Protein backbone atom coordinates (compact mmCIF):
# COMPACT_ATOMS: atom_id res chain seq x y z
CA MET A 1 19.75 2.50 33.18
CA LEU A 2 17.23 -0.19 32.33
CA ASP A 3 17.43 -3.31 34.50
CA TRP A 4 18.14 -5.97 31.87
CA ARG A 5 17.24 -8.72 34.35
CA GLN A 6 13.56 -7.95 33.73
CA HIS A 7 13.95 -8.92 30.06
CA ILE A 8 16.76 -11.47 29.85
CA ALA A 9 16.74 -14.95 31.33
CA VAL A 10 19.01 -17.96 31.47
CA ALA A 11 17.47 -21.41 31.66
CA PRO A 12 19.66 -24.50 31.21
CA GLU A 13 16.89 -26.26 29.27
CA VAL A 14 16.55 -23.45 26.70
CA LEU A 15 19.30 -23.03 24.08
CA ALA A 16 21.80 -24.79 26.31
CA GLY A 17 21.62 -22.01 28.89
CA LYS A 18 22.40 -19.08 26.59
CA PRO A 19 20.95 -15.75 27.72
CA ILE A 20 17.62 -15.24 25.94
CA LEU A 21 14.89 -12.64 25.76
CA GLN A 22 12.26 -13.73 28.28
CA GLY A 23 9.26 -15.42 26.76
CA THR A 24 11.14 -16.26 23.56
CA ARG A 25 13.79 -18.61 22.27
CA LEU A 26 15.78 -15.68 20.88
CA ALA A 27 19.32 -15.58 22.24
CA VAL A 28 20.97 -12.29 23.09
CA ASP A 29 23.87 -13.14 20.77
CA PHE A 30 21.37 -13.78 17.94
CA ILE A 31 19.86 -10.31 18.37
CA LEU A 32 23.31 -8.71 18.50
CA GLY A 33 24.24 -10.67 15.38
CA LEU A 34 21.22 -9.29 13.51
CA LEU A 35 22.27 -5.77 14.42
CA ALA A 36 25.87 -6.51 13.39
CA GLU A 37 24.58 -7.69 10.01
CA GLY A 38 22.86 -4.35 9.51
CA TRP A 39 19.31 -5.05 10.64
CA THR A 40 17.60 -2.00 12.08
CA VAL A 41 15.68 -1.94 15.33
CA GLU A 42 12.52 -1.47 13.29
CA GLU A 43 13.26 -4.59 11.21
CA ILE A 44 13.82 -6.68 14.32
CA LEU A 45 10.59 -5.44 15.94
CA GLU A 46 8.65 -6.09 12.73
CA ASN A 47 10.04 -9.59 12.15
CA TYR A 48 9.97 -10.69 15.80
CA PRO A 49 6.74 -9.34 17.32
CA ALA A 50 7.50 -10.94 20.71
CA VAL A 51 10.43 -8.53 21.06
CA SER A 52 9.71 -5.14 22.61
CA PRO A 53 11.77 -1.97 22.34
CA GLU A 54 12.57 -2.36 26.05
CA ALA A 55 13.83 -5.90 25.44
CA LEU A 56 16.19 -4.59 22.76
CA GLN A 57 17.44 -1.94 25.15
CA ALA A 58 17.98 -4.73 27.69
CA VAL A 59 20.17 -6.57 25.15
CA PHE A 60 22.46 -3.53 25.00
CA ALA A 61 22.45 -3.08 28.79
CA PHE A 62 23.29 -6.76 29.25
CA ALA A 63 26.12 -6.58 26.71
CA ALA A 64 27.51 -3.40 28.26
CA GLU A 65 27.50 -4.83 31.78
CA THR A 66 28.92 -8.16 30.66
CA LEU A 67 31.74 -6.57 28.69
CA ALA A 68 32.54 -4.18 31.52
CA ASP A 69 33.22 -7.19 33.73
CA GLU A 70 35.52 -8.93 31.24
CA THR A 71 39.10 -8.49 30.19
CA THR A 72 39.32 -8.65 26.44
CA TYR A 73 42.36 -9.01 24.27
CA PRO A 74 42.68 -7.91 20.64
CA TYR A 75 42.73 -10.71 18.13
CA GLY A 76 44.88 -10.46 15.05
CA ARG A 77 45.84 -6.81 15.33
CA LYS A 78 47.78 -4.57 17.62
CA ALA A 79 45.93 -2.10 19.78
CA GLY A 80 46.46 1.62 19.40
């Protein structure tokens, strides 16, 4: 698996410490939001040239690792 730490940084002085893609001011949650809205990987790469395919893969690796460490509870609906 890709080491997301090579592509994602946290700096308190940038976006109030949100995780961002290194070398940009693009937050991980912003990128995930674009994908949730239906943007394709190609659209993101075209519109944000500072983002590499590896950086996008790092966003997914970061999200997967972060969610694996969290307990989540369903909101507004019953599970199963």
